[in-house]
Amino acid sequence: MKKWYEELFTNYVEKYEKESFTQGTMGEVDFIESEIKRDKSCRILDVGCGTGRHAIELVKRGYSVTGVDLSENMLNRAREKAIDTGVQLDFEKADARNLPFEDEFDLVIMLCEGAFPLMETDQMNFQILESAARALKKDGKLIFTTLNGLYPLFHSVKDFINANSNYSTNQENTFDLMTFRDRYQLETEDDNGNKLLLV
């Protein structure tokens, strides 16, 4: 049986690219460049690269980038976009918990929850961080985003998720204040309009 994140991203490319959290590419890449002081010699690994929005923009700006993702459909779209844009970069299928790299990159990025922190357990999320750290050179840098665990203390998680997604509805949630983990059922549609209930 597929995990929810494997099921969702089997046929979710078009809708993914319209999500609000995928619209800030230029500003996010500007931030990445400022953090590496625009050093074009940096080798960059984009973990959970999705359809390649950060990887492609970084290559357009002169960086060497490898993108990895668990979803073959997302990677296929990333490859198409790279060809359409006229850039060359390597996109590979890989599980963020077990990346096939060691001491190779100056920078690893995991943005917009592309890999971290969506796993079911803290141990699985820790494996992602360990794997990213192994991929880095000795003085390398890791840039990642994560969900704000304090936000649900001030707002209803269900209302927040429903208000900030164009394509999904949160059916129920169980935010645990002791562990700061949120579990919920997500109802959404794939690119063909098929209903998905993800747990």
Protein backbone atom coordinates (compact mmCIF):
# COMPACT_ATOMS: atom_id res chain seq x y z
CA MET A 1 0.00 0.00 0.00
CA LYS A 2 1.33 3.43 -0.95
CA LYS A 3 2.00 6.04 1.70
CA TRP A 4 -0.16 9.18 1.47
CA TYR A 5 2.68 11.26 0.00
CA GLU A 6 3.32 8.65 -2.70
CA GLU A 7 -0.38 8.46 -3.55
CA LEU A 8 -0.85 12.24 -3.65
CA PHE A 9 2.08 12.97 -5.94
CA THR A 10 1.27 10.19 -8.40
CA ASN A 11 -1.00 12.54 -10.36
CA TYR A 12 -0.81 15.97 -8.76
CA VAL A 13 1.57 17.93 -10.97
CA GLU A 14 -0.77 20.56 -12.45
CA LYS A 15 -2.56 21.28 -9.18
CA TYR A 16 0.73 21.35 -7.28
CA GLU A 17 2.09 24.06 -9.57
CA LYS A 18 -0.99 26.22 -8.81
CA GLU A 19 -0.75 25.89 -5.01
CA SER A 20 -0.11 29.18 -3.18
CA PHE A 21 3.08 27.83 -1.58
CA THR A 22 4.69 27.29 -5.01
CA GLN A 23 4.36 30.91 -6.13
CA GLY A 24 7.35 32.47 -4.32
CA THR A 25 10.17 30.96 -6.35
CA MET A 26 12.01 34.17 -7.28
CA GLY A 27 12.11 35.51 -3.73
CA GLU A 28 13.12 32.11 -2.35
CA VAL A 29 15.96 31.79 -4.86
CA ASP A 30 17.05 35.37 -4.13
CA PHE A 31 17.31 34.36 -0.46
CA ILE A 32 19.31 31.21 -1.32
CA GLU A 33 21.74 33.28 -3.40
CA SER A 34 22.23 35.77 -0.58
CA GLU A 35 22.95 32.92 1.85
CA ILE A 36 25.71 31.50 -0.38
CA LYS A 37 26.97 34.98 -1.30
CA ARG A 38 26.23 34.36 -4.99
CA ASP A 39 29.16 31.93 -5.19
CA LYS A 40 28.59 30.23 -8.55
CA SER A 41 31.07 27.46 -7.66
CA CYS A 42 28.57 26.05 -5.12
CA ARG A 43 27.16 22.64 -5.96
CA ILE A 44 23.54 22.51 -4.82
CA LEU A 45 21.27 19.57 -4.01
CA ASP A 46 17.52 20.28 -4.11
CA VAL A 47 15.82 17.60 -1.99
CA GLY A 48 12.11 17.15 -2.67
CA CYS A 49 12.54 19.27 -5.78
CA GLY A 50 9.01 18.61 -7.05
CA THR A 51 8.60 20.06 -10.52
CA GLY A 52 12.00 21.74 -10.33
CA ARG A 53 11.06 25.33 -9.69
CA HIS A 54 14.07 26.14 -7.44
CA ALA A 55 16.54 23.89 -9.27
CA ILE A 56 15.72 25.33 -12.69
CA GLU A 57 15.87 28.94 -11.51
CA LEU A 58 19.21 28.32 -9.80
CA VAL A 59 20.66 26.76 -12.96
CA LYS A 60 19.38 29.75 -14.96
CA ARG A 61 21.37 31.93 -12.56
CA GLY A 62 24.55 29.92 -13.16
CA TYR A 63 24.65 27.29 -10.41
CA SER A 64 25.26 23.55 -10.67
CA VAL A 65 22.18 21.78 -9.25
CA THR A 66 20.96 18.22 -8.78
CA GLY A 67 17.28 17.74 -7.99
CA VAL A 68 15.87 14.67 -6.25
CA ASP A 69 12.30 13.67 -5.53
CA LEU A 70 10.34 10.53 -4.68
CA SER A 71 7.68 11.16 -7.33
CA GLU A 72 8.51 10.10 -10.88
CA ASN A 73 5.62 12.25 -12.18
CA MET A 74 7.02 15.35 -10.51
CA LEU A 75 10.47 14.57 -11.89
CA ASN A 76 9.10 14.06 -15.40
CA ARG A 77 7.48 17.51 -15.24
CA ALA A 78 10.74 18.98 -13.91
CA ARG A 79 12.65 17.46 -16.83
CA GLU A 80 10.09 18.87 -19.31
CA LYS A 81 10.35 22.32 -17.74
CA ALA A 82 14.15 22.20 -17.86
CA ILE A 83 14.06 21.35 -21.57
CA ASP A 84 11.48 24.08 -22.23
CA THR A 85 13.65 26.57 -20.33
CA GLY A 86 16.82 25.46 -22.13
CA VAL A 87 18.77 24.47 -19.02
CA GLN A 88 20.58 21.24 -18.27
CA LEU A 89 20.52 19.65 -14.86
CA ASP A 90 20.24 16.24 -13.32
CA PHE A 91 16.93 15.11 -11.81
CA GLU A 92 17.03 11.80 -9.95
CA LYS A 93 14.43 9.68 -8.18
CA ALA A 94 15.49 9.23 -4.56
CA ASP A 95 14.05 8.88 -1.08
CA ALA A 96 15.14 11.81 1.10
CA ARG A 97 15.70 9.40 3.98
CA ASN A 98 18.41 7.56 2.06
CA LEU A 99 20.08 9.89 -0.43
CA PRO A 100 22.84 8.36 -2.60
CA PHE A 101 25.35 11.17 -1.92
CA GLU A 102 28.21 11.68 0.50
CA ASP A 103 30.33 14.82 0.95
CA GLU A 104 29.35 16.12 -2.50
CA PHE A 105 27.41 19.37 -2.10
CA ASP A 106 28.14 22.85 -0.77
CA LEU A 107 24.45 23.47 -0.18
CA VAL A 108 21.40 21.27 0.37
CA ILE A 109 17.97 22.86 0.15
CA MET A 110 14.61 21.41 1.25
CA LEU A 111 12.00 24.09 0.73
CA CYS A 112 8.23 24.31 1.13
CA GLU A 113 8.04 20.95 2.88
CA GLY A 114 9.40 19.19 -0.19
CA ALA A 115 10.78 16.47 2.03
CA PHE A 116 10.95 17.70 5.62
CA PRO A 117 8.82 17.54 7.94
CA LEU A 118 6.06 15.51 6.30
CA MET A 119 6.96 12.05 7.58
CA GLU A 120 4.84 10.17 10.09
CA THR A 121 7.47 9.98 12.82
CA ASP A 122 10.22 12.17 14.20
CA GLN A 123 12.64 9.31 13.50
CA MET A 124 11.77 9.40 9.79
CA ASN A 125 12.23 13.17 9.71
CA PHE A 126 15.56 12.76 11.50
CA GLN A 127 16.64 10.29 8.80
CA ILE A 128 16.01 13.01 6.23
CA LEU A 129 18.22 15.45 8.14
CA GLU A 130 20.95 12.81 8.55
CA SER A 131 20.83 11.99 4.86
CA ALA A 132 21.05 15.67 3.91
CA ALA A 133 23.99 16.15 6.28
CA ARG A 134 25.83 13.19 4.68
CA ALA A 135 25.38 14.76 1.24
CA LEU A 136 27.06 17.98 2.40
CA LYS A 137 30.76 18.77 2.22
CA LYS A 138 32.48 19.51 5.54
CA ASP A 139 31.64 23.22 5.61
CA GLY A 140 28.40 22.88 3.65
CA LYS A 141 25.13 24.59 4.47
CA LEU A 142 21.60 23.21 4.84
CA ILE A 143 18.62 25.47 4.16
CA PHE A 144 15.19 24.05 4.89
CA THR A 145 11.73 25.21 5.75
CA THR A 146 9.42 23.61 8.24
CA LEU A 147 5.91 24.08 9.49
CA ASN A 148 5.42 26.46 12.41
CA GLY A 149 4.49 24.29 15.39
CA LEU A 150 3.32 27.30 17.41
CA TYR A 151 0.78 28.46 14.86
CA PRO A 152 -1.91 25.95 15.96
CA LEU A 153 -1.66 27.31 19.50
CA PHE A 154 -3.12 30.56 18.22
CA HIS A 155 -5.33 29.35 15.38
CA SER A 156 -7.50 26.41 14.49
CA VAL A 157 -5.44 23.99 12.39
CA LYS A 158 -8.50 22.90 10.44
CA ASP A 159 -9.53 26.46 9.59
CA PHE A 160 -5.95 27.36 8.65
CA ILE A 161 -5.53 24.41 6.27
CA ASN A 162 -8.93 24.91 4.66
CA ALA A 163 -8.35 28.63 4.17
CA ASN A 164 -4.89 28.22 2.64
CA SER A 165 -5.48 25.53 0.05
CA ASN A 166 -7.24 25.87 -3.27
CA TYR A 167 -7.70 22.16 -3.80
CA SER A 168 -8.08 20.36 -0.51
CA THR A 169 -10.24 20.11 2.56
CA ASN A 170 -9.03 19.03 5.96
CA GLN A 171 -11.58 16.56 7.30
CA GLU A 172 -10.35 16.27 10.88
CA ASN A 173 -7.19 16.88 12.79
CA THR A 174 -5.56 15.90 16.03
CA PHE A 175 -2.86 18.41 16.88
CA ASP A 176 -0.95 17.04 19.86
CA LEU A 177 0.42 19.81 22.08
CA MET A 178 2.83 17.40 23.76
CA THR A 179 4.55 16.26 20.57
CA PHE A 180 3.64 19.18 18.28
CA ARG A 181 2.56 16.64 15.66
CA ASP A 182 -0.56 17.10 13.60
CA ARG A 183 -2.42 14.17 12.07
CA TYR A 184 -5.39 14.69 9.82
CA GLN A 185 -7.30 13.38 6.85
CA LEU A 186 -6.88 15.43 3.70
CA GLU A 187 -9.47 15.29 0.95
CA THR A 188 -8.25 16.56 -2.41
CA GLU A 189 -8.41 15.89 -6.14
CA ASP A 190 -5.69 14.75 -8.49
CA ASP A 191 -5.05 16.34 -11.89
CA ASN A 192 -7.86 14.22 -13.44
CA GLY A 193 -10.44 15.31 -10.85
CA ASN A 194 -10.35 11.98 -8.98
CA LYS A 195 -11.12 12.37 -5.26
CA LEU A 196 -8.33 11.35 -2.89
CA LEU A 197 -8.69 10.82 0.85
CA LEU A 198 -5.22 10.87 2.36
CA VAL A 199 -4.54 9.82 5.91
